[in-house]
């Protein structure tokens, strides 16, 4: 409710496709449609990550069922482990997989028709007596991340 709350953008976080480093999709650019032969490993229904992914697929006239099998898991760590073992592909925020990508345990797919990001905002009550302190804390947080 924007009449009761203010917000401040923290960052626009990329939402990416990930695969095992030895997967063919780690080496060459591809479209989302060319990934449909793969098993999709995704979060359970009701998760925010899953909702974002399904919305993007919907815009492309696709769904998780368009893939060659799906596996639903409630743990991002378990998803990353399975993907790193080439048991399927997945989609998540870069912040969730960035460390594994930099270590070489996962690869970010080069998707030709995928430019998805999601805003993360700090939300706080408009009329808070602590408004100035909240804004100061938000700025400190942004500087250190």
Foldseek 3Di string as FASTA:
>chain_A
DVVWKDKDWLDWWWKFKKAACPDPQLPDEEAPLVQQAWEEEEEDPPDPFQVQVQVVQVVVVHGNVSHPHYHYDHDLVVVLVCRLVGNTMYIGTCVSCVVCCVVNSMGTGRYPPDGDIHIDIDMDTPPDPCVVVVVVVSVVVSVVD
